[in-house]
PDB file of N, CA and C in Angstrom:
ATOM      1  N   MET A   1      35.474  70.748  12.600  1.00  0.00           N
ATOM      2  CA  MET A   1      36.567  71.026  11.705  1.00  0.00           C
ATOM      3  C   MET A   1      37.636  71.827  12.449  1.00  0.00           C
ATOM      4  N   LYS A   2      38.880  71.475  12.212  1.00  0.00           N
ATOM      5  CA  LYS A   2      39.997  72.181  12.830  1.00  0.00           C
ATOM      6  C   LYS A   2      40.248  73.483  12.076  1.00  0.00           C
ATOM      7  N   LEU A   3      40.776  74.474  12.755  1.00  0.00           N
ATOM      8  CA  LEU A   3      41.137  75.727  12.115  1.00  0.00           C
ATOM      9  C   LEU A   3      42.547  75.625  11.551  1.00  0.00           C
ATOM     10  N   SER A   4      42.759  76.224  10.404  1.00  0.00           N
ATOM     11  CA  SER A   4      44.074  76.224   9.781  1.00  0.00           C
ATOM     12  C   SER A   4      45.028  77.131  10.552  1.00  0.00           C
ATOM     13  N   GLU A   5      46.289  76.698  10.650  1.00  0.00           N
ATOM     14  CA  GLU A   5      47.321  77.521  11.274  1.00  0.00           C
ATOM     15  C   GLU A   5      47.858  78.551  10.285  1.00  0.00           C
ATOM     16  N   TYR A   6      47.573  78.366   9.004  1.00  0.00           N
ATOM     17  CA  TYR A   6      48.108  79.230   7.965  1.00  0.00           C
ATOM     18  C   TYR A   6      47.073  80.272   7.552  1.00  0.00           C
ATOM     19  N   LYS A   7      47.507  81.507   7.407  1.00  0.00           N
ATOM     20  CA  LYS A   7      46.612  82.601   7.046  1.00  0.00           C
ATOM     21  C   LYS A   7      46.747  82.994   5.582  1.00  0.00           C
ATOM     22  N   SER A   8      47.826  82.556   4.913  1.00  0.00           N
ATOM     23  CA  SER A   8      48.084  82.920   3.525  1.00  0.00           C
ATOM     24  C   SER A   8      48.896  81.811   2.872  1.00  0.00           C
ATOM     25  N   TYR A   9      48.733  81.669   1.562  1.00  0.00           N
ATOM     26  CA  TYR A   9      49.542  80.703   0.829  1.00  0.00           C
ATOM     27  C   TYR A   9      51.026  81.047   0.919  1.00  0.00           C
ATOM     28  N   ASP A  10      51.336  82.318   1.106  1.00  0.00           N
ATOM     29  CA  ASP A  10      52.733  82.747   1.215  1.00  0.00           C
ATOM     30  C   ASP A  10      53.424  82.144   2.433  1.00  0.00           C
ATOM     31  N   ASP A  11      52.654  81.759   3.450  1.00  0.00           N
ATOM     32  CA  ASP A  11      53.214  81.179   4.676  1.00  0.00           C
ATOM     33  C   ASP A  11      53.604  79.709   4.507  1.00  0.00           C
ATOM     34  N   LEU A  12      53.165  79.091   3.428  1.00  0.00           N
ATOM     35  CA  LEU A  12      53.402  77.659   3.247  1.00  0.00           C
ATOM     36  C   LEU A  12      54.829  77.370   2.819  1.00  0.00           C
ATOM     37  N   PRO A  13      55.348  76.192   3.200  1.00  0.00           N
ATOM     38  CA  PRO A  13      56.667  75.777   2.705  1.00  0.00           C
ATOM     39  C   PRO A  13      56.585  75.425   1.221  1.00  0.00           C
ATOM     40  N   LEU A  14      57.723  75.301   0.567  1.00  0.00           N
ATOM     41  CA  LEU A  14      57.778  74.992  -0.853  1.00  0.00           C
ATOM     42  C   LEU A  14      57.131  73.640  -1.164  1.00  0.00           C
ATOM     43  N   PHE A  15      57.323  72.652  -0.289  1.00  0.00           N
ATOM     44  CA  PHE A  15      56.701  71.340  -0.420  1.00  0.00           C
ATOM     45  C   PHE A  15      55.946  71.033   0.860  1.00  0.00           C
ATOM     46  N   LEU A  16      54.745  70.471   0.720  1.00  0.00           N
ATOM     47  CA  LEU A  16      53.907  70.148   1.873  1.00  0.00           C
ATOM     48  C   LEU A  16      53.875  68.641   2.080  1.00  0.00           C
ATOM     49  N   ASN A  17      53.958  68.216   3.317  1.00  0.00           N
ATOM     50  CA  ASN A  17      53.764  66.808   3.639  1.00  0.00           C
ATOM     51  C   ASN A  17      52.325  66.616   4.109  1.00  0.00           C
ATOM     52  N   ALA A  18      51.956  65.407   4.455  1.00  0.00           N
ATOM     53  CA  ALA A  18      50.579  65.119   4.836  1.00  0.00           C
ATOM     54  C   ALA A  18      50.148  65.910   6.073  1.00  0.00           C
ATOM     55  N   ALA A  19      51.051  66.084   7.016  1.00  0.00           N
ATOM     56  CA  ALA A  19      50.708  66.836   8.223  1.00  0.00           C
ATOM     57  C   ALA A  19      50.418  68.297   7.897  1.00  0.00           C
ATOM     58  N   THR A  20      51.208  68.872   6.986  1.00  0.00           N
ATOM     59  CA  THR A  20      50.992  70.266   6.600  1.00  0.00           C
ATOM     60  C   THR A  20      49.709  70.417   5.805  1.00  0.00           C
ATOM     61  N   VAL A  21      49.434  69.482   4.898  1.00  0.00           N
ATOM     62  CA  VAL A  21      48.178  69.510   4.140  1.00  0.00           C
ATOM     63  C   VAL A  21      47.001  69.471   5.111  1.00  0.00           C
ATOM     64  N   ALA A  22      47.090  68.620   6.132  1.00  0.00           N
ATOM     65  CA  ALA A  22      46.021  68.535   7.131  1.00  0.00           C
ATOM     66  C   ALA A  22      45.832  69.862   7.858  1.00  0.00           C
ATOM     67  N   LYS A  23      46.939  70.503   8.244  1.00  0.00           N
ATOM     68  CA  LYS A  23      46.848  71.785   8.950  1.00  0.00           C
ATOM     69  C   LYS A  23      46.251  72.870   8.074  1.00  0.00           C
ATOM     70  N   VAL A  24      46.672  72.915   6.806  1.00  0.00           N
ATOM     71  CA  VAL A  24      46.182  73.940   5.891  1.00  0.00           C
ATOM     72  C   VAL A  24      44.684  73.785   5.642  1.00  0.00           C
ATOM     73  N   LEU A  25      44.247  72.555   5.416  1.00  0.00           N
ATOM     74  CA  LEU A  25      42.845  72.309   5.101  1.00  0.00           C
ATOM     75  C   LEU A  25      41.964  72.208   6.338  1.00  0.00           C
ATOM     76  N   GLY A  26      42.584  72.094   7.511  1.00  0.00           N
ATOM     77  CA  GLY A  26      41.810  71.984   8.740  1.00  0.00           C
ATOM     78  C   GLY A  26      41.133  70.641   8.886  1.00  0.00           C
ATOM     79  N   VAL A  27      41.821  69.579   8.426  1.00  0.00           N
ATOM     80  CA  VAL A  27      41.286  68.226   8.516  1.00  0.00           C
ATOM     81  C   VAL A  27      42.250  67.360   9.326  1.00  0.00           C
ATOM     82  N   SER A  28      41.839  66.144   9.589  1.00  0.00           N
ATOM     83  CA  SER A  28      42.698  65.229  10.330  1.00  0.00           C
ATOM     84  C   SER A  28      43.822  64.712   9.431  1.00  0.00           C
ATOM     85  N   PRO A  29      44.931  64.281  10.028  1.00  0.00           N
ATOM     86  CA  PRO A  29      46.016  63.709   9.224  1.00  0.00           C
ATOM     87  C   PRO A  29      45.562  62.513   8.387  1.00  0.00           C
ATOM     88  N   SER A  30      44.681  61.693   8.917  1.00  0.00           N
ATOM     89  CA  SER A  30      44.212  60.536   8.139  1.00  0.00           C
ATOM     90  C   SER A  30      43.412  60.982   6.922  1.00  0.00           C
ATOM     91  N   SER A  31      42.662  62.069   7.048  1.00  0.00           N
ATOM     92  CA  SER A  31      41.923  62.601   5.898  1.00  0.00           C
ATOM     93  C   SER A  31      42.879  63.152   4.845  1.00  0.00           C
ATOM     94  N   SER A  32      43.973  63.771   5.283  1.00  0.00           N
ATOM     95  CA  SER A  32      44.930  64.294   4.299  1.00  0.00           C
ATOM     96  C   SER A  32      45.628  63.147   3.576  1.00  0.00           C
ATOM     97  N   TYR A  33      45.927  62.044   4.273  1.00  0.00           N
ATOM     98  CA  TYR A  33      46.519  60.883   3.606  1.00  0.00           C
ATOM     99  C   TYR A  33      45.561  60.321   2.570  1.00  0.00           C
ATOM    100  N   GLU A  34      44.286  60.234   2.910  1.00  0.00           N
ATOM    101  CA  GLU A  34      43.289  59.749   1.942  1.00  0.00           C
ATOM    102  C   GLU A  34      43.256  60.666   0.721  1.00  0.00           C
ATOM    103  N   LEU A  35      43.251  61.955   0.949  1.00  0.00           N
ATOM    104  CA  LEU A  35      43.220  62.929  -0.133  1.00  0.00           C
ATOM    105  C   LEU A  35      44.448  62.786  -1.023  1.00  0.00           C
ATOM    106  N   MET A  36      45.596  62.571  -0.419  1.00  0.00           N
ATOM    107  CA  MET A  36      46.837  62.459  -1.181  1.00  0.00           C
ATOM    108  C   MET A  36      46.889  61.204  -2.046  1.00  0.00           C
ATOM    109  N   HIS A  37      45.993  60.266  -1.808  1.00  0.00           N
ATOM    110  CA  HIS A  37      45.909  59.063  -2.632  1.00  0.00           C
ATOM    111  C   HIS A  37      44.867  59.197  -3.743  1.00  0.00           C
ATOM    112  N   GLU A  38      44.168  60.326  -3.798  1.00  0.00           N
ATOM    113  CA  GLU A  38      43.192  60.553  -4.868  1.00  0.00           C
ATOM    114  C   GLU A  38      43.940  60.772  -6.184  1.00  0.00           C
ATOM    115  N   PRO A  39      43.393  60.264  -7.296  1.00  0.00           N
ATOM    116  CA  PRO A  39      44.096  60.362  -8.581  1.00  0.00           C
ATOM    117  C   PRO A  39      44.387  61.792  -9.050  1.00  0.00           C
ATOM    118  N   ASP A  40      43.518  62.756  -8.729  1.00  0.00           N
ATOM    119  CA  ASP A  40      43.731  64.115  -9.236  1.00  0.00           C
ATOM    120  C   ASP A  40      44.488  65.021  -8.275  1.00  0.00           C
ATOM    121  N   PHE A  41      44.931  64.483  -7.143  1.00  0.00           N
ATOM    122  CA  PHE A  41      45.654  65.302  -6.181  1.00  0.00           C
ATOM    123  C   PHE A  41      47.129  65.352  -6.578  1.00  0.00           C
ATOM    124  N   PRO A  42      47.757  66.531  -6.588  1.00  0.00           N
ATOM    125  CA  PRO A  42      49.125  66.700  -7.103  1.00  0.00           C
ATOM    126  C   PRO A  42      50.226  66.243  -6.145  1.00  0.00           C
ATOM    127  N   VAL A  43      50.503  64.971  -6.158  1.00  0.00           N
ATOM    128  CA  VAL A  43      51.497  64.407  -5.241  1.00  0.00           C
ATOM    129  C   VAL A  43      52.775  64.074  -5.993  1.00  0.00           C
ATOM    130  N   LEU A  44      53.894  64.371  -5.364  1.00  0.00           N
ATOM    131  CA  LEU A  44      55.213  64.001  -5.868  1.00  0.00           C
ATOM    132  C   LEU A  44      55.760  62.960  -4.906  1.00  0.00           C
ATOM    133  N   LYS A  45      56.069  61.782  -5.421  1.00  0.00           N
ATOM    134  CA  LYS A  45      56.612  60.735  -4.558  1.00  0.00           C
ATOM    135  C   LYS A  45      58.132  60.808  -4.577  1.00  0.00           C
ATOM    136  N   VAL A  46      58.704  60.924  -3.382  1.00  0.00           N
ATOM    137  CA  VAL A  46      60.150  60.969  -3.200  1.00  0.00           C
ATOM    138  C   VAL A  46      60.497  59.780  -2.318  1.00  0.00           C
ATOM    139  N   GLY A  47      60.935  58.694  -2.956  1.00  0.00           N
ATOM    140  CA  GLY A  47      61.133  57.453  -2.211  1.00  0.00           C
ATOM    141  C   GLY A  47      59.782  56.986  -1.699  1.00  0.00           C
ATOM    142  N   ASN A  48      59.682  56.802  -0.394  1.00  0.00           N
ATOM    143  CA  ASN A  48      58.414  56.406   0.222  1.00  0.00           C
ATOM    144  C   ASN A  48      57.586  57.595   0.677  1.00  0.00           C
ATOM    145  N   ARG A  49      58.142  58.786   0.559  1.00  0.00           N
ATOM    146  CA  ARG A  49      57.451  59.989   1.036  1.00  0.00           C
ATOM    147  C   ARG A  49      56.564  60.571  -0.057  1.00  0.00           C
ATOM    148  N   MET A  50      55.459  61.133   0.379  1.00  0.00           N
ATOM    149  CA  MET A  50      54.555  61.816  -0.529  1.00  0.00           C
ATOM    150  C   MET A  50      54.605  63.304  -0.192  1.00  0.00           C
ATOM    151  N   MET A  51      55.000  64.100  -1.174  1.00  0.00           N
ATOM    152  CA  MET A  51      55.120  65.546  -0.987  1.00  0.00           C
ATOM    153  C   MET A  51      54.216  66.235  -2.001  1.00  0.00           C
ATOM    154  N   VAL A  52      53.746  67.416  -1.651  1.00  0.00           N
ATOM    155  CA  VAL A  52      52.881  68.184  -2.533  1.00  0.00           C
ATOM    156  C   VAL A  52      53.560  69.521  -2.819  1.00  0.00           C
ATOM    157  N   PRO A  53      53.886  69.781  -4.085  1.00  0.00           N
ATOM    158  CA  PRO A  53      54.464  71.090  -4.404  1.00  0.00           C
ATOM    159  C   PRO A  53      53.459  72.204  -4.096  1.00  0.00           C
ATOM    160  N   LYS A  54      53.921  73.237  -3.447  1.00  0.00           N
ATOM    161  CA  LYS A  54      53.058  74.342  -3.020  1.00  0.00           C
ATOM    162  C   LYS A  54      52.234  74.908  -4.169  1.00  0.00           C
ATOM    163  N   GLU A  55      52.864  75.194  -5.301  1.00  0.00           N
ATOM    164  CA  GLU A  55      52.152  75.799  -6.432  1.00  0.00           C
ATOM    165  C   GLU A  55      51.053  74.891  -6.954  1.00  0.00           C
ATOM    166  N   LYS A  56      51.313  73.590  -7.025  1.00  0.00           N
ATOM    167  CA  LYS A  56      50.303  72.640  -7.501  1.00  0.00           C
ATOM    168  C   LYS A  56      49.165  72.521  -6.484  1.00  0.00           C
ATOM    169  N   PHE A  57      49.504  72.599  -5.210  1.00  0.00           N
ATOM    170  CA  PHE A  57      48.472  72.560  -4.161  1.00  0.00           C
ATOM    171  C   PHE A  57      47.558  73.774  -4.279  1.00  0.00           C
ATOM    172  N   VAL A  58      48.138  74.947  -4.479  1.00  0.00           N
ATOM    173  CA  VAL A  58      47.356  76.175  -4.610  1.00  0.00           C
ATOM    174  C   VAL A  58      46.430  76.069  -5.825  1.00  0.00           C
ATOM    175  N   GLU A  59      46.949  75.532  -6.945  1.00  0.00           N
ATOM    176  CA  GLU A  59      46.118  75.327  -8.138  1.00  0.00           C
ATOM    177  C   GLU A  59      44.972  74.372  -7.841  1.00  0.00           C
ATOM    178  N   TRP A  60      45.270  73.266  -7.157  1.00  0.00           N
ATOM    179  CA  TRP A  60      44.258  72.266  -6.842  1.00  0.00           C
ATOM    180  C   TRP A  60      43.153  72.871  -5.971  1.00  0.00           C
ATOM    181  N   VAL A  61      43.546  73.644  -4.968  1.00  0.00           N
ATOM    182  CA  VAL A  61      42.556  74.299  -4.113  1.00  0.00           C
ATOM    183  C   VAL A  61      41.675  75.229  -4.946  1.00  0.00           C
ATOM    184  N   GLY A  62      42.299  76.003  -5.831  1.00  0.00           N
ATOM    185  CA  GLY A  62      41.543  76.912  -6.685  1.00  0.00           C
ATOM    186  C   GLY A  62      40.530  76.188  -7.563  1.00  0.00           C
ATOM    187  N   GLN A  63      40.938  75.055  -8.118  1.00  0.00           N
ATOM    188  CA  GLN A  63      40.054  74.266  -8.970  1.00  0.00           C
ATOM    189  C   GLN A  63      38.883  73.674  -8.190  1.00  0.00           C
ATOM    190  N   HIS A  64      39.104  73.377  -6.920  1.00  0.00           N
ATOM    191  CA  HIS A  64      38.068  72.723  -6.123  1.00  0.00           C
ATOM    192  C   HIS A  64      37.267  73.683  -5.236  1.00  0.00           C
ATOM    193  N   THR A  65      37.579  74.958  -5.333  1.00  0.00           N
ATOM    194  CA  THR A  65      36.824  75.938  -4.532  1.00  0.00           C
ATOM    195  C   THR A  65      36.276  77.077  -5.372  1.00  0.00           C
ATOM    196  N   GLY A  66      36.288  76.911  -6.667  1.00  0.00           N
ATOM    197  CA  GLY A  66      35.757  77.962  -7.520  1.00  0.00           C
ATOM    198  C   GLY A  66      36.729  79.098  -7.764  1.00  0.00           C
ATOM    199  N   GLY A  67      38.029  78.843  -7.587  1.00  0.00           N
ATOM    200  CA  GLY A  67      39.042  79.820  -7.922  1.00  0.00           C
ATOM    201  C   GLY A  67      39.496  80.712  -6.787  1.00  0.00           C
ATOM    202  N   GLY A  68      39.214  80.340  -5.533  1.00  0.00           N
ATOM    203  CA  GLY A  68      39.664  81.155  -4.401  1.00  0.00           C
ATOM    204  C   GLY A  68      41.172  81.276  -4.373  1.00  0.00           C
ATOM    205  N   THR A  69      41.693  82.444  -3.991  1.00  0.00           N
ATOM    206  CA  THR A  69      43.136  82.650  -3.973  1.00  0.00           C
ATOM    207  C   THR A  69      43.720  82.607  -2.567  1.00  0.00           C
ATOM    208  N   GLY A  70      42.897  82.702  -1.523  1.00  0.00           N
ATOM    209  CA  GLY A  70      43.403  82.629  -0.163  1.00  0.00           C
ATOM    210  C   GLY A  70      44.115  83.875   0.275  1.00  0.00           C
ATOM    211  N   ARG A  71      44.018  84.968  -0.482  1.00  0.00           N
ATOM    212  CA  ARG A  71      44.720  86.213  -0.124  1.00  0.00           C
ATOM    213  C   ARG A  71      43.754  87.297   0.194  1.00  0.00           C
TER     214      ARG A  71
END
C-alpha cells in the first residue's frame, strides 16, 4: 500500500480528482477510478471529468471507517 501525501483533511483541495483520491487513500490510480464508479461514492460529473467534493469525500470516509475524522 502506498503512503498518503496528505496528513489532514484540511490539506485537501476543494474538489478531488482521481489522482488525488488515489494519493489520499494510498491506492493506485486505477483503484481510485474503480472506486469512483461505485454507486455510493460521491462523484460530481463535470463534462467528462469526475470530481469529488472534499466535504462529501470526508463524509464517505467517515461512513466507511467507523467515523474517523483524520485529525
